[in-house]
Amino acid sequence: MYGAAAHTTAKPKSRYVRDMAPLDRTLAICDLLLGAAHADSNFTDRERVTVRELLADLFGSEELPSEVEARIDLFQADKFDVKSAAAAFQSDSVDEKKKLLYLVAAVHEADEELDFAEDDYMRALGKALELPADVLDDLVIEVESEDLADDFQALRKAPPPVPGTGTVDVDMDD
């Protein structure tokens, strides 16, 4: 199983240590980014490149450690659990957790498509990180699904006009 739960390490005691991004936290970040890339069931080359670039930025090197490369290559989306992967960040501040959301948003934007599954993933991550709902306001698509469902039902109830039974006046002289 992927996620931070598979790795047991002592929690960092200071912000300085946490900011150094130890490998276990980086693997959890890797998992969260890969989960984001797979959220719409379509892992594109652009998403793969974006995940690698974001992780390389964390390491300050273009070359990723072999553990991270293996994690990318062997990632199994069907076994991924966002809650387990997010557990490594439970003690982080809201601002630090928001940084994870921004990284995930960068992966979602990589394929240049809007997808509700990606938004669902973002919401699931926000919930797993125990973030207030308003933190996600600028990062997800809001659709009033109840209003859309009501509109759809109203359209379905009204029968379509029968062809040839109605007349339409068209003024051709103007």
Protein backbone atom coordinates (compact mmCIF):
# COMPACT_ATOMS: atom_id res chain seq x y z
CA MET A 1 0.00 0.00 0.00
CA TYR A 2 1.23 3.47 -0.82
CA GLY A 3 1.18 6.36 1.56
CA ALA A 4 2.95 7.57 4.60
CA ALA A 5 1.50 4.81 6.76
CA ALA A 6 3.87 2.34 5.10
CA HIS A 7 6.87 4.31 6.38
CA THR A 8 7.49 4.67 10.09
CA THR A 9 9.82 7.42 11.21
CA ALA A 10 9.93 9.80 14.12
CA LYS A 11 8.13 13.07 13.54
CA PRO A 12 10.37 16.08 12.96
CA LYS A 13 10.86 18.09 16.13
CA SER A 14 11.50 21.42 14.49
CA ARG A 15 10.37 23.38 11.47
CA TYR A 16 13.97 23.38 10.20
CA VAL A 17 14.00 19.57 10.02
CA ARG A 18 10.52 19.47 8.46
CA ASP A 19 11.57 21.94 5.75
CA MET A 20 14.47 19.67 4.79
CA ALA A 21 11.90 17.25 3.28
CA PRO A 22 13.21 13.91 4.54
CA LEU A 23 12.80 11.05 2.11
CA ASP A 24 9.72 9.61 3.86
CA ARG A 25 7.88 12.93 3.54
CA THR A 26 9.07 13.27 -0.03
CA LEU A 27 7.73 9.81 -0.82
CA ALA A 28 4.40 10.84 0.70
CA ILE A 29 4.45 14.01 -1.45
CA CYS A 30 5.32 11.85 -4.46
CA ASP A 31 2.33 9.62 -3.70
CA LEU A 32 0.00 12.61 -3.34
CA LEU A 33 1.20 14.07 -6.65
CA LEU A 34 0.86 10.73 -8.42
CA GLY A 35 -2.62 10.31 -6.93
CA ALA A 36 -3.47 13.72 -8.37
CA ALA A 37 -2.10 12.77 -11.77
CA HIS A 38 -4.14 9.55 -11.78
CA ALA A 39 -7.32 11.15 -10.39
CA ASP A 40 -8.94 11.40 -13.82
CA SER A 41 -7.78 7.86 -14.75
CA ASN A 42 -5.50 9.30 -17.42
CA PHE A 43 -1.83 9.69 -16.47
CA THR A 44 -0.36 11.83 -19.25
CA ASP A 45 3.27 12.44 -20.17
CA ARG A 46 2.82 16.10 -19.23
CA GLU A 47 1.65 15.07 -15.75
CA ARG A 48 4.60 12.70 -15.40
CA VAL A 49 7.02 15.50 -16.34
CA THR A 50 5.32 17.91 -13.94
CA VAL A 51 5.48 15.42 -11.04
CA ARG A 52 9.19 14.85 -11.70
CA GLU A 53 9.90 18.60 -11.97
CA LEU A 54 8.08 19.38 -8.73
CA LEU A 55 9.93 16.62 -6.89
CA ALA A 56 13.26 17.71 -8.39
CA ASP A 57 12.57 21.22 -7.06
CA LEU A 58 12.07 19.73 -3.59
CA PHE A 59 15.43 18.00 -3.81
CA GLY A 60 17.17 20.95 -5.44
CA SER A 61 18.50 18.66 -8.16
CA GLU A 62 17.39 17.54 -11.59
CA GLU A 63 18.25 13.97 -10.65
CA LEU A 64 15.76 12.23 -8.38
CA PRO A 65 16.86 9.63 -5.83
CA SER A 66 16.36 6.05 -7.01
CA GLU A 67 13.66 5.50 -4.35
CA VAL A 68 11.60 8.34 -5.81
CA GLU A 69 12.11 7.14 -9.41
CA ALA A 70 10.99 3.67 -8.37
CA ARG A 71 7.96 5.12 -6.60
CA ILE A 72 6.92 6.94 -9.78
CA ASP A 73 7.48 3.90 -11.99
CA LEU A 74 5.72 1.42 -9.68
CA PHE A 75 2.81 3.59 -8.50
CA GLN A 76 -0.49 1.71 -8.49
CA ALA A 77 -3.41 4.13 -8.48
CA ASP A 78 -5.90 1.43 -7.53
CA LYS A 79 -4.01 0.77 -4.27
CA PHE A 80 -3.39 4.42 -3.40
CA ASP A 81 -5.08 5.86 -0.30
CA VAL A 82 -5.06 9.65 -0.08
CA LYS A 83 -5.80 9.61 3.65
CA SER A 84 -2.78 7.41 4.40
CA ALA A 85 -0.48 9.51 2.24
CA ALA A 86 -1.75 12.74 3.85
CA ALA A 87 -1.17 11.39 7.37
CA ALA A 88 2.48 12.46 7.23
CA PHE A 89 1.34 16.09 7.14
CA GLN A 90 -1.28 16.10 9.92
CA SER A 91 0.90 18.09 12.34
CA ASP A 92 1.83 20.71 9.72
CA SER A 93 0.42 24.22 9.82
CA VAL A 94 -2.49 25.22 7.60
CA ASP A 95 -0.05 27.19 5.41
CA GLU A 96 2.18 24.14 4.95
CA LYS A 97 -0.84 21.99 4.07
CA LYS A 98 -1.97 24.60 1.54
CA LYS A 99 1.41 24.26 -0.17
CA LEU A 100 0.58 20.61 -0.79
CA LEU A 101 -2.70 21.66 -2.39
CA TYR A 102 -0.85 24.08 -4.67
CA LEU A 103 1.51 21.30 -5.76
CA VAL A 104 -1.48 19.07 -6.49
CA ALA A 105 -3.15 21.90 -8.43
CA ALA A 106 0.00 22.23 -10.55
CA VAL A 107 -0.27 18.54 -11.46
CA HIS A 108 -3.96 18.91 -12.31
CA GLU A 109 -3.21 21.85 -14.58
CA ALA A 110 -0.45 19.98 -16.41
CA ASP A 111 -2.83 18.21 -18.77
CA GLU A 112 -4.69 21.47 -19.48
CA GLU A 113 -8.07 19.83 -18.89
CA LEU A 114 -10.72 20.56 -16.30
CA ASP A 115 -11.95 17.37 -14.73
CA PHE A 116 -14.39 16.87 -11.86
CA ALA A 117 -12.48 13.77 -10.72
CA GLU A 118 -9.44 15.98 -10.15
CA ASP A 119 -11.56 18.35 -8.07
CA ASP A 120 -12.90 15.40 -6.10
CA TYR A 121 -9.30 14.38 -5.41
CA MET A 122 -8.46 17.91 -4.26
CA ARG A 123 -11.46 17.87 -1.89
CA ALA A 124 -10.50 14.43 -0.57
CA LEU A 125 -6.97 15.65 0.10
CA GLY A 126 -8.27 18.78 1.84
CA LYS A 127 -10.48 16.60 4.02
CA ALA A 128 -7.62 14.17 4.75
CA LEU A 129 -5.47 17.14 5.78
CA GLU A 130 -8.35 18.40 7.95
CA LEU A 131 -8.33 21.77 6.23
CA PRO A 132 -11.27 24.18 6.46
CA ALA A 133 -13.50 24.00 3.37
CA ASP A 134 -12.84 27.65 2.45
CA VAL A 135 -9.17 26.84 1.80
CA LEU A 136 -10.26 25.00 -1.35
CA ASP A 137 -12.45 27.83 -2.68
CA ASP A 138 -9.92 29.10 -5.23
CA LEU A 139 -8.63 25.65 -6.17
CA VAL A 140 -11.73 23.72 -7.20
CA ILE A 141 -14.63 24.11 -9.60
CA GLU A 142 -17.91 24.87 -7.89
CA VAL A 143 -20.99 23.64 -9.66
CA GLU A 144 -24.39 23.98 -8.17
CA SER A 145 -25.30 20.37 -8.85
CA GLU A 146 -28.67 20.62 -7.12
CA ASP A 147 -29.65 23.55 -9.35
CA LEU A 148 -28.46 21.68 -12.43
CA ALA A 149 -30.39 18.57 -11.38
CA ASP A 150 -33.56 20.64 -10.84
CA ASP A 151 -33.17 22.29 -14.25
CA PHE A 152 -32.62 18.94 -15.91
CA GLN A 153 -35.70 17.45 -14.24
CA ALA A 154 -37.81 20.43 -15.36
CA LEU A 155 -36.63 19.94 -18.93
CA ARG A 156 -37.40 16.23 -18.81
CA LYS A 157 -40.98 16.81 -17.57
CA ALA A 158 -42.02 19.11 -20.37
CA PRO A 159 -42.82 17.18 -23.54
CA PRO A 160 -41.10 18.35 -26.69
CA PRO A 161 -43.25 20.20 -29.19
CA VAL A 162 -44.86 17.99 -31.79
CA PRO A 163 -43.52 18.84 -35.24
CA GLY A 164 -46.02 20.57 -37.52
CA THR A 165 -48.57 21.43 -34.81
CA GLY A 166 -47.38 24.90 -34.00
CA THR A 167 -47.05 27.86 -36.27
CA VAL A 168 -44.33 30.40 -36.20
CA ASP A 169 -44.83 33.83 -37.69
CA VAL A 170 -41.79 35.03 -39.52
CA ASP A 171 -41.92 38.51 -40.99
CA MET A 172 -39.92 38.36 -44.18
CA ASP A 173 -40.76 41.89 -45.39
CA ASP A 174 -38.54 43.87 -43.05
